[in-house]
Amino acid sequence: MGFESTLPAPLVEQTMRSCGLETSPLLVQAVIHYVEMLQKWNLKINLTGLSFGRPAS
């Protein structure tokens, strides 16, 4: 069981700014790390109710 993060830093930064949040390279990397941890642990325990996998066809 593994996951592959496909979360690009520019997308995270753009999303944060569109929500009115200030960004810095360190903060963007922290958000990416947080999402990667959620993805990893969500494979074992459904923490969020979200599915990070591809939708079934």
N, C-alpha and C. Protein backbone atom coordinates (compact mmCIF):
# COMPACT_ATOMS: atom_id res chain seq x y z
N MET A 1 0.84 -1.19 0.00
CA MET A 1 0.00 0.00 0.00
C MET A 1 0.87 1.24 0.00
N GLY A 2 0.65 2.11 -0.95
CA GLY A 2 1.41 3.33 -1.00
C GLY A 2 0.57 4.44 -1.60
N PHE A 3 1.12 5.60 -1.60
CA PHE A 3 0.45 6.73 -2.23
C PHE A 3 1.49 7.56 -2.93
N GLU A 4 1.02 8.30 -3.89
CA GLU A 4 1.92 9.18 -4.63
C GLU A 4 1.33 10.58 -4.56
N SER A 5 2.06 11.48 -3.96
CA SER A 5 1.58 12.85 -3.84
C SER A 5 1.76 13.56 -5.17
N THR A 6 0.72 14.19 -5.61
CA THR A 6 0.78 14.96 -6.85
C THR A 6 0.36 16.41 -6.59
N LEU A 7 0.69 16.88 -5.42
CA LEU A 7 0.29 18.21 -4.99
C LEU A 7 1.40 19.21 -5.29
N PRO A 8 1.29 19.96 -6.38
CA PRO A 8 2.34 20.92 -6.71
C PRO A 8 2.28 22.17 -5.83
N ALA A 9 3.44 22.65 -5.45
CA ALA A 9 3.54 23.82 -4.58
C ALA A 9 2.80 25.04 -5.15
N PRO A 10 2.92 25.32 -6.46
CA PRO A 10 2.19 26.50 -6.98
C PRO A 10 0.67 26.39 -6.81
N LEU A 11 0.14 25.18 -6.91
CA LEU A 11 -1.30 25.00 -6.71
C LEU A 11 -1.69 25.26 -5.26
N VAL A 12 -0.88 24.78 -4.33
CA VAL A 12 -1.14 25.01 -2.91
C VAL A 12 -1.09 26.51 -2.61
N GLU A 13 -0.06 27.17 -3.13
CA GLU A 13 0.08 28.61 -2.90
C GLU A 13 -1.10 29.38 -3.48
N GLN A 14 -1.51 29.04 -4.70
CA GLN A 14 -2.64 29.72 -5.34
C GLN A 14 -3.93 29.49 -4.55
N THR A 15 -4.14 28.28 -4.09
CA THR A 15 -5.34 27.97 -3.32
C THR A 15 -5.36 28.73 -2.00
N MET A 16 -4.22 28.78 -1.33
CA MET A 16 -4.15 29.52 -0.07
C MET A 16 -4.43 31.00 -0.29
N ARG A 17 -3.85 31.57 -1.33
CA ARG A 17 -4.07 33.00 -1.61
C ARG A 17 -5.53 33.28 -1.97
N SER A 18 -6.15 32.34 -2.71
CA SER A 18 -7.55 32.56 -3.10
C SER A 18 -8.48 32.50 -1.87
N CYS A 19 -7.99 31.89 -0.80
CA CYS A 19 -8.75 31.85 0.47
C CYS A 19 -8.39 33.02 1.37
N GLY A 20 -7.55 33.92 0.87
CA GLY A 20 -7.17 35.09 1.65
C GLY A 20 -6.06 34.83 2.65
N LEU A 21 -5.34 33.74 2.49
CA LEU A 21 -4.27 33.40 3.42
C LEU A 21 -2.92 33.88 2.88
N GLU A 22 -2.07 34.33 3.78
CA GLU A 22 -0.72 34.69 3.39
C GLU A 22 0.08 33.41 3.21
N THR A 23 1.06 33.46 2.32
CA THR A 23 1.87 32.27 2.06
C THR A 23 3.35 32.60 2.19
N SER A 24 4.11 31.56 2.45
CA SER A 24 5.56 31.61 2.40
C SER A 24 6.00 30.24 1.94
N PRO A 25 7.20 30.11 1.41
CA PRO A 25 7.66 28.78 0.98
C PRO A 25 7.60 27.74 2.11
N LEU A 26 7.94 28.14 3.32
CA LEU A 26 7.91 27.22 4.45
C LEU A 26 6.48 26.78 4.77
N LEU A 27 5.55 27.71 4.73
CA LEU A 27 4.15 27.39 5.02
C LEU A 27 3.56 26.49 3.94
N VAL A 28 3.88 26.77 2.69
CA VAL A 28 3.39 25.93 1.58
C VAL A 28 3.90 24.50 1.75
N GLN A 29 5.17 24.36 2.07
CA GLN A 29 5.73 23.01 2.27
C GLN A 29 5.09 22.32 3.47
N ALA A 30 4.75 23.07 4.51
CA ALA A 30 4.09 22.49 5.68
C ALA A 30 2.70 21.98 5.31
N VAL A 31 1.98 22.72 4.49
CA VAL A 31 0.65 22.28 4.05
C VAL A 31 0.77 21.03 3.20
N ILE A 32 1.74 21.00 2.30
CA ILE A 32 1.95 19.82 1.46
C ILE A 32 2.27 18.61 2.34
N HIS A 33 3.13 18.80 3.32
CA HIS A 33 3.49 17.70 4.23
C HIS A 33 2.25 17.22 4.98
N TYR A 34 1.43 18.12 5.44
CA TYR A 34 0.21 17.77 6.17
C TYR A 34 -0.72 16.94 5.29
N VAL A 35 -0.92 17.37 4.05
CA VAL A 35 -1.80 16.64 3.14
C VAL A 35 -1.22 15.26 2.83
N GLU A 36 0.10 15.19 2.65
CA GLU A 36 0.74 13.89 2.41
C GLU A 36 0.54 12.95 3.59
N MET A 37 0.63 13.49 4.80
CA MET A 37 0.40 12.66 5.99
C MET A 37 -1.05 12.17 6.02
N LEU A 38 -2.00 13.06 5.70
CA LEU A 38 -3.40 12.65 5.64
C LEU A 38 -3.61 11.55 4.61
N GLN A 39 -2.98 11.70 3.45
CA GLN A 39 -3.11 10.69 2.40
C GLN A 39 -2.57 9.35 2.90
N LYS A 40 -1.41 9.37 3.51
CA LYS A 40 -0.78 8.14 3.99
C LYS A 40 -1.65 7.45 5.03
N TRP A 41 -2.07 8.19 6.05
CA TRP A 41 -2.83 7.58 7.13
C TRP A 41 -4.26 7.27 6.74
N ASN A 42 -4.79 7.99 5.77
CA ASN A 42 -6.15 7.71 5.32
C ASN A 42 -6.24 6.36 4.62
N LEU A 43 -5.10 5.84 4.14
CA LEU A 43 -5.09 4.50 3.56
C LEU A 43 -5.34 3.44 4.64
N LYS A 44 -4.96 3.74 5.87
CA LYS A 44 -5.09 2.78 6.97
C LYS A 44 -6.34 3.03 7.80
N ILE A 45 -6.62 4.30 8.06
CA ILE A 45 -7.75 4.69 8.90
C ILE A 45 -8.44 5.85 8.20
N ASN A 46 -9.74 5.76 7.99
CA ASN A 46 -10.45 6.84 7.32
C ASN A 46 -10.55 8.03 8.26
N LEU A 47 -9.63 8.97 8.11
CA LEU A 47 -9.54 10.12 9.02
C LEU A 47 -10.48 11.26 8.65
N THR A 48 -10.77 11.38 7.36
CA THR A 48 -11.48 12.57 6.90
C THR A 48 -12.80 12.28 6.19
N GLY A 49 -13.01 11.06 5.81
CA GLY A 49 -14.18 10.75 4.98
C GLY A 49 -13.91 11.03 3.52
N LEU A 50 -12.71 11.54 3.22
CA LEU A 50 -12.33 11.86 1.84
C LEU A 50 -11.62 10.69 1.21
N SER A 51 -11.74 10.57 -0.09
CA SER A 51 -10.99 9.57 -0.83
C SER A 51 -9.96 10.29 -1.68
N PHE A 52 -8.67 9.97 -1.45
CA PHE A 52 -7.62 10.59 -2.22
C PHE A 52 -7.27 9.79 -3.47
N GLY A 53 -7.89 8.63 -3.63
CA GLY A 53 -7.63 7.80 -4.80
C GLY A 53 -8.42 8.30 -5.99
N ARG A 54 -8.16 7.66 -7.11
CA ARG A 54 -8.89 8.00 -8.32
C ARG A 54 -10.32 7.45 -8.22
N PRO A 55 -11.28 8.18 -8.76
CA PRO A 55 -12.67 7.68 -8.72
C PRO A 55 -12.80 6.41 -9.57
N ALA A 56 -13.64 5.51 -9.12
CA ALA A 56 -13.87 4.27 -9.88
C ALA A 56 -14.59 4.61 -11.17
N SER A 57 -14.19 3.96 -12.22
CA SER A 57 -14.83 4.19 -13.54
C SER A 57 -15.97 3.24 -13.74
